[in-house]
Amino acid sequence: MVKKSIFQRKLDEILTNFEENLSKNGKKPSLLLHACCAPCSSYVLEYLAKYFEITILYYNPNIYPEEEYRRRLGELEDFLPRFSPALEGKVKLVKDTYEPSDFYAAIGTDKEPELAKEPEKGERCRRCYELRLKRAYAYASAHNFDYFCTTLSISPFKDAEKINEIGERLAGQAEDETFRLEAAAAEESGPSKNPRWLPSDFKKKSGFLRSLQLSEEYGLYRQQYCGCIFSKQNTDAFRNEKC
């Protein structure tokens, strides 16, 4: 298994190759970037927009309550037209469906209630990463993207090793014709390309710190919990203990 200490190095190697190819033919590969919010998107877009034609996929059925989901989406919609890397890179935004029942079915807390009280980075979170990355893979496959990725690894509360393992596994399954057809069916379209996973640990190279700086500069709303009802309950309980 790839160690998380080398995810950033792998990404740097890929981007160096892209930079050389860009100087020769001026063509950027396409990237489907799953994003959870504007603050996490800020640094990632600043970092990647010059290398890729980026489309953001906002797919986050884990976010609770619905008002919070709408607020984070609205903040992202407001941010992109004000952010020069997004404008210069002609970044697009795709708003996917919001079906919280898909999240609860994926994480299985009804059958394993102990997962509800797990701290961040545990099995509950891994299942949530997988749910959203499967959707990102399906969209990228059906719409002929060269690469897919997520902003999730920018957070110090997210497990970059688990995120990259899932992404690499999904990309590896692209060789399975049945898997690709099932993914395409989810988008009602047949894929003509197998999207590759873009390795990342965006918190490296002071990425998380830069996201804080950009959030302050653009006045972005920074949520106080990851997104799901369980992270909110755990965060609220921790705050109450500190009071």
Protein backbone atom coordinates (compact mmCIF):
# COMPACT_ATOMS: atom_id res chain seq x y z
CA MET A 1 0.00 0.00 0.00
CA VAL A 2 1.19 3.51 -0.83
CA LYS A 3 2.24 5.41 2.28
CA LYS A 4 0.65 8.79 2.76
CA SER A 5 4.07 10.42 3.05
CA ILE A 6 4.58 9.96 -0.70
CA PHE A 7 1.14 11.02 -2.01
CA GLN A 8 2.31 14.59 -2.44
CA ARG A 9 5.52 13.49 -4.12
CA LYS A 10 3.56 11.38 -6.58
CA LEU A 11 1.31 14.33 -7.36
CA ASP A 12 4.29 16.64 -7.86
CA GLU A 13 5.81 14.15 -10.33
CA ILE A 14 2.55 14.01 -12.30
CA LEU A 15 2.23 17.81 -12.38
CA THR A 16 5.84 18.20 -13.53
CA ASN A 17 5.08 15.95 -16.49
CA PHE A 18 1.93 17.93 -17.24
CA GLU A 19 3.90 21.17 -17.16
CA GLU A 20 6.32 19.81 -19.75
CA ASN A 21 3.47 18.63 -21.98
CA LEU A 22 1.64 21.94 -21.61
CA SER A 23 4.67 23.83 -22.82
CA LYS A 24 4.69 21.62 -25.95
CA ASN A 25 1.03 21.33 -26.92
CA GLY A 26 -0.88 23.65 -24.56
CA LYS A 27 -3.52 20.99 -23.84
CA LYS A 28 -4.70 20.39 -20.28
CA PRO A 29 -6.15 17.04 -19.15
CA SER A 30 -9.64 17.12 -17.65
CA LEU A 31 -10.20 16.60 -13.91
CA LEU A 32 -13.44 15.80 -12.10
CA LEU A 33 -12.87 17.21 -8.61
CA HIS A 34 -15.25 16.18 -5.86
CA ALA A 35 -15.57 19.06 -3.38
CA CYS A 36 -17.22 19.36 0.01
CA CYS A 37 -17.16 23.14 0.51
CA ALA A 38 -15.64 26.44 -0.61
CA PRO A 39 -12.81 26.63 1.98
CA CYS A 40 -11.47 23.19 1.06
CA SER A 41 -11.82 23.99 -2.65
CA SER A 42 -9.91 27.27 -2.44
CA TYR A 43 -6.31 26.06 -2.15
CA VAL A 44 -6.92 22.98 -4.31
CA LEU A 45 -8.18 25.14 -7.18
CA GLU A 46 -5.34 27.61 -6.73
CA TYR A 47 -2.92 24.68 -6.88
CA LEU A 48 -4.40 22.67 -9.77
CA ALA A 49 -6.22 25.08 -12.10
CA LYS A 50 -3.16 25.78 -14.23
CA TYR A 51 -2.67 22.07 -14.92
CA PHE A 52 -6.24 20.85 -15.52
CA GLU A 53 -9.58 21.68 -17.06
CA ILE A 54 -11.52 21.31 -13.80
CA THR A 55 -15.14 20.48 -13.15
CA ILE A 56 -16.23 20.44 -9.52
CA LEU A 57 -18.73 17.80 -8.43
CA TYR A 58 -20.68 18.83 -5.34
CA TYR A 59 -21.97 15.51 -4.03
CA ASN A 60 -22.33 15.42 -0.25
CA PRO A 61 -25.42 13.56 1.00
CA ASN A 62 -23.68 13.21 4.36
CA ILE A 63 -24.15 16.88 5.27
CA TYR A 64 -26.69 17.52 8.03
CA PRO A 65 -29.05 19.30 8.26
CA GLU A 66 -30.28 20.27 4.80
CA GLU A 67 -29.88 23.98 5.63
CA GLU A 68 -26.18 23.32 6.24
CA TYR A 69 -25.92 21.49 2.93
CA ARG A 70 -27.53 24.43 1.13
CA ARG A 71 -25.33 26.94 2.94
CA ARG A 72 -22.12 25.18 1.94
CA LEU A 73 -23.30 24.82 -1.64
CA GLY A 74 -24.33 28.47 -1.76
CA GLU A 75 -20.95 29.54 -0.41
CA LEU A 76 -19.19 27.55 -3.13
CA GLU A 77 -21.44 29.02 -5.84
CA ASP A 78 -20.72 32.52 -4.56
CA PHE A 79 -16.98 31.93 -4.22
CA LEU A 80 -16.12 30.56 -7.66
CA PRO A 81 -17.01 33.71 -9.66
CA ARG A 82 -14.88 35.78 -7.24
CA PHE A 83 -11.81 33.54 -7.26
CA SER A 84 -9.36 34.38 -10.03
CA PRO A 85 -7.83 30.86 -10.42
CA ALA A 86 -11.34 29.46 -10.90
CA LEU A 87 -12.22 32.19 -13.40
CA GLU A 88 -8.98 31.94 -15.35
CA GLY A 89 -9.26 28.14 -15.40
CA LYS A 90 -12.95 28.29 -16.42
CA VAL A 91 -13.83 25.96 -13.56
CA LYS A 92 -17.32 24.49 -13.84
CA LEU A 93 -19.63 23.35 -11.04
CA VAL A 94 -21.96 20.35 -11.17
CA LYS A 95 -24.56 20.11 -8.40
CA ASP A 96 -25.45 16.50 -7.76
CA THR A 97 -28.44 15.07 -5.92
CA TYR A 98 -28.97 15.37 -2.16
CA GLU A 99 -30.29 12.08 -0.80
CA PRO A 100 -29.25 11.65 2.86
CA SER A 101 -30.74 8.14 2.84
CA ASP A 102 -27.88 7.10 0.53
CA PHE A 103 -25.39 8.23 3.17
CA TYR A 104 -27.09 6.36 6.03
CA ALA A 105 -27.36 3.20 3.92
CA ALA A 106 -23.66 3.41 3.05
CA ILE A 107 -22.30 3.86 6.55
CA GLY A 108 -24.54 1.24 8.19
CA THR A 109 -24.92 2.80 11.63
CA ASP A 110 -28.34 1.14 11.96
CA LYS A 111 -26.63 -2.26 12.12
CA GLU A 112 -23.41 -1.05 13.78
CA PRO A 113 -24.52 1.74 16.14
CA GLU A 114 -21.06 1.95 17.71
CA LEU A 115 -19.87 3.67 14.52
CA ALA A 116 -21.99 6.71 15.41
CA LYS A 117 -19.65 7.64 18.25
CA GLU A 118 -16.41 6.95 16.42
CA PRO A 119 -13.92 9.83 16.23
CA GLU A 120 -13.03 11.26 12.83
CA LYS A 121 -10.92 9.06 10.48
CA GLY A 122 -12.58 5.80 11.57
CA GLU A 123 -14.59 3.23 9.64
CA ARG A 124 -17.69 5.43 9.46
CA CYS A 125 -15.66 8.12 7.73
CA ARG A 126 -13.99 5.61 5.42
CA ARG A 127 -17.40 4.43 4.22
CA CYS A 128 -18.43 8.03 3.66
CA TYR A 129 -15.29 8.71 1.59
CA GLU A 130 -16.05 5.63 -0.47
CA LEU A 131 -19.67 6.65 -1.12
CA ARG A 132 -18.64 10.04 -2.48
CA LEU A 133 -15.64 8.79 -4.43
CA LYS A 134 -17.71 6.07 -6.10
CA ARG A 135 -20.07 8.78 -7.27
CA ALA A 136 -17.16 10.90 -8.49
CA TYR A 137 -15.71 7.93 -10.36
CA ALA A 138 -19.08 7.16 -11.94
CA TYR A 139 -19.54 10.74 -13.13
CA ALA A 140 -15.95 11.00 -14.38
CA SER A 141 -16.27 7.71 -16.25
CA ALA A 142 -19.58 8.56 -17.86
CA HIS A 143 -18.44 12.04 -18.90
CA ASN A 144 -15.02 11.11 -20.27
CA PHE A 145 -12.75 12.78 -17.75
CA ASP A 146 -9.06 11.97 -17.74
CA TYR A 147 -8.73 12.11 -13.93
CA PHE A 148 -10.84 12.24 -10.79
CA CYS A 149 -9.95 13.38 -7.29
CA THR A 150 -11.40 14.98 -4.14
CA THR A 151 -10.60 17.97 -1.95
CA LEU A 152 -11.15 15.88 1.20
CA SER A 153 -7.46 15.22 1.88
CA ILE A 154 -6.83 18.90 2.64
CA SER A 155 -8.45 18.49 6.04
CA PRO A 156 -6.28 17.36 8.98
CA PHE A 157 -9.38 15.48 10.15
CA LYS A 158 -9.48 13.29 7.03
CA ASP A 159 -7.37 10.18 6.47
CA ALA A 160 -5.41 10.72 3.24
CA GLU A 161 -4.22 7.12 3.18
CA LYS A 162 -7.77 5.77 3.18
CA ILE A 163 -8.90 8.33 0.60
CA ASN A 164 -6.08 7.43 -1.79
CA GLU A 165 -6.56 3.70 -1.28
CA ILE A 166 -10.23 4.04 -2.29
CA GLY A 167 -9.41 6.22 -5.29
CA GLU A 168 -6.69 3.87 -6.52
CA ARG A 169 -8.97 0.86 -6.10
CA LEU A 170 -11.79 2.50 -8.05
CA ALA A 171 -9.40 3.46 -10.84
CA GLY A 172 -8.06 -0.09 -10.88
CA GLN A 173 -11.56 -1.46 -11.21
CA ALA A 174 -11.90 0.60 -14.38
CA GLU A 175 -10.32 -2.38 -16.14
CA ASP A 176 -13.37 -4.41 -15.14
CA GLU A 177 -15.91 -3.91 -17.95
CA THR A 178 -18.84 -4.86 -15.72
CA PHE A 179 -17.81 -2.29 -13.13
CA ARG A 180 -17.46 0.42 -15.78
CA LEU A 181 -20.85 -0.35 -17.29
CA GLU A 182 -22.50 -0.23 -13.86
CA ALA A 183 -20.85 3.13 -13.19
CA ALA A 184 -21.99 4.43 -16.55
CA ALA A 185 -25.54 3.25 -15.93
CA ALA A 186 -25.66 5.47 -12.87
CA GLU A 187 -25.17 8.40 -15.25
CA GLU A 188 -27.30 6.97 -18.10
CA SER A 189 -24.35 7.18 -20.46
CA GLY A 190 -21.63 4.90 -21.74
CA PRO A 191 -18.02 5.74 -20.87
CA SER A 192 -15.37 6.02 -23.54
CA LYS A 193 -12.55 6.70 -21.11
CA ASN A 194 -11.24 5.18 -17.89
CA PRO A 195 -10.56 8.05 -15.48
CA ARG A 196 -7.33 7.80 -13.53
CA TRP A 197 -7.05 8.63 -9.87
CA LEU A 198 -5.03 11.75 -9.04
CA PRO A 199 -3.07 10.99 -5.84
CA SER A 200 -3.14 13.76 -3.27
CA ASP A 201 -2.61 14.87 0.27
CA PHE A 202 -3.53 18.51 -0.16
CA LYS A 203 -2.79 19.40 3.45
CA LYS A 204 0.92 18.99 2.61
CA LYS A 205 3.02 21.96 1.46
CA SER A 206 1.01 24.10 3.92
CA GLY A 207 -2.15 23.49 1.90
CA PHE A 208 -4.46 23.58 4.90
CA LEU A 209 -2.85 26.78 6.16
CA ARG A 210 -3.28 28.35 2.72
CA SER A 211 -6.96 27.40 2.74
CA LEU A 212 -7.32 29.26 6.05
CA GLN A 213 -5.66 32.32 4.55
CA LEU A 214 -7.88 32.25 1.47
CA SER A 215 -10.98 31.75 3.61
CA GLU A 216 -10.11 34.87 5.58
CA GLU A 217 -9.26 36.84 2.44
CA TYR A 218 -12.58 35.99 0.76
CA GLY A 219 -14.70 35.97 3.91
CA LEU A 220 -15.68 32.33 3.50
CA TYR A 221 -17.95 30.53 5.92
CA ARG A 222 -15.92 27.80 7.64
CA GLN A 223 -18.10 25.13 9.18
CA GLN A 224 -17.41 23.94 12.71
CA TYR A 225 -17.92 20.23 12.05
CA CYS A 226 -17.20 17.82 9.20
CA GLY A 227 -20.75 17.59 7.93
CA CYS A 228 -22.73 14.56 9.10
CA ILE A 229 -25.04 14.41 12.09
CA PHE A 230 -22.57 12.20 13.96
CA SER A 231 -19.66 14.60 13.55
CA LYS A 232 -21.95 17.41 14.70
CA GLN A 233 -23.06 15.48 17.77
CA ASN A 234 -19.48 14.54 18.64
CA THR A 235 -18.29 18.13 18.16
CA ASP A 236 -21.16 19.50 20.26
CA ALA A 237 -20.42 16.98 23.02
CA PHE A 238 -16.73 17.91 23.02
CA ARG A 239 -17.58 21.62 23.32
CA ASN A 240 -19.99 20.98 26.16
CA GLU A 241 -17.28 19.08 28.03
CA LYS A 242 -14.91 22.05 27.65
CA CYS A 243 -17.48 24.51 29.05
